[in-house]
Amino acid sequence: MSTIVTAKQGQTVDLICLMHYGRTAEVTELVLAANPDLAAVGIILPLGTKVFMPVAPSRQQAAKLTSLWE
C-alpha cells in the first residue's frame, strides 16, 4: 500500500526510505521517480515536505539477477 510521509527536520530521501521500507537499495530510485520534484529540493529535505512512498517490490524480486548467458 502506498502512503505519504512528511519529512522531519534533517531527513534525506535515503533516510525516509530506510525508515519506511527498512532498506535503501532499489527503493530510493523508485521514490525519486515517483516524486520528480524532490531532486530539485536538495539532499536534506525541508521540514514538512510530503513524500509519496509507492509500493516497493519484494526483496526476492529486487534481488533477482539476470545473466547474459541465460
Protein backbone atom coordinates (compact mmCIF):
# COMPACT_ATOMS: atom_id res chain seq x y z
CA MET A 1 0.00 0.00 0.00
CA SER A 2 1.41 3.39 -0.95
CA THR A 3 1.49 6.16 1.62
CA ILE A 4 2.60 9.76 2.05
CA VAL A 5 5.34 10.55 4.57
CA THR A 6 6.07 14.02 5.92
CA ALA A 7 9.79 14.81 6.22
CA LYS A 8 11.12 15.74 9.63
CA GLN A 9 13.99 18.11 10.25
CA GLY A 10 17.28 16.95 8.72
CA GLN A 11 15.85 13.96 6.84
CA THR A 12 17.01 12.82 3.42
CA VAL A 13 15.19 10.63 0.90
CA ASP A 14 17.54 7.75 1.80
CA LEU A 15 16.72 8.07 5.50
CA ILE A 16 12.98 8.18 4.82
CA CYS A 17 13.31 5.06 2.64
CA LEU A 18 15.26 3.29 5.38
CA MET A 19 12.65 4.17 7.99
CA HIS A 20 9.65 3.33 5.77
CA TYR A 21 10.86 0.26 3.85
CA GLY A 22 13.69 -0.93 6.10
CA ARG A 23 16.18 -0.62 3.22
CA THR A 24 17.51 1.89 0.73
CA ALA A 25 18.73 -0.33 -2.11
CA GLU A 26 16.37 -0.27 -5.11
CA VAL A 27 13.72 1.82 -3.35
CA THR A 28 15.43 5.22 -3.30
CA GLU A 29 15.34 5.39 -7.10
CA LEU A 30 11.71 4.24 -7.02
CA VAL A 31 10.76 7.02 -4.59
CA LEU A 32 12.64 9.66 -6.58
CA ALA A 33 10.88 8.52 -9.77
CA ALA A 34 7.51 8.80 -8.02
CA ASN A 35 8.41 12.28 -6.71
CA PRO A 36 10.21 14.04 -9.60
CA ASP A 37 10.31 17.40 -7.78
CA LEU A 38 12.34 16.04 -4.84
CA ALA A 39 15.65 16.06 -6.72
CA ALA A 40 15.44 19.84 -7.12
CA VAL A 41 14.86 20.39 -3.39
CA GLY A 42 18.32 19.26 -2.33
CA ILE A 43 19.84 16.47 -0.28
CA ILE A 44 18.26 17.45 3.04
CA LEU A 45 14.52 17.85 2.62
CA PRO A 46 12.81 20.92 4.04
CA LEU A 47 10.73 20.29 7.16
CA GLY A 48 7.20 19.22 6.21
CA THR A 49 7.99 18.06 2.67
CA LYS A 50 5.41 15.47 1.56
CA VAL A 51 6.97 12.34 0.03
CA PHE A 52 4.85 9.78 -1.83
CA MET A 53 6.05 6.29 -0.93
CA PRO A 54 4.99 3.81 -3.65
CA VAL A 55 4.66 0.09 -3.13
CA ALA A 56 8.15 -1.41 -3.29
CA PRO A 57 8.99 -4.74 -4.91
CA SER A 58 9.66 -7.61 -2.53
CA ARG A 59 13.27 -8.37 -1.68
CA GLN A 60 13.18 -11.56 -3.77
CA GLN A 61 12.00 -9.65 -6.86
CA ALA A 62 14.59 -6.92 -6.34
CA ALA A 63 17.42 -9.41 -5.79
CA LYS A 64 16.74 -11.39 -8.99
CA LEU A 65 19.75 -11.12 -11.29
CA THR A 66 19.88 -11.60 -15.00
CA SER A 67 22.78 -13.39 -16.59
CA LEU A 68 23.99 -12.59 -20.08
CA TRP A 69 24.18 -16.31 -20.85
CA GLU A 70 20.65 -17.38 -19.83
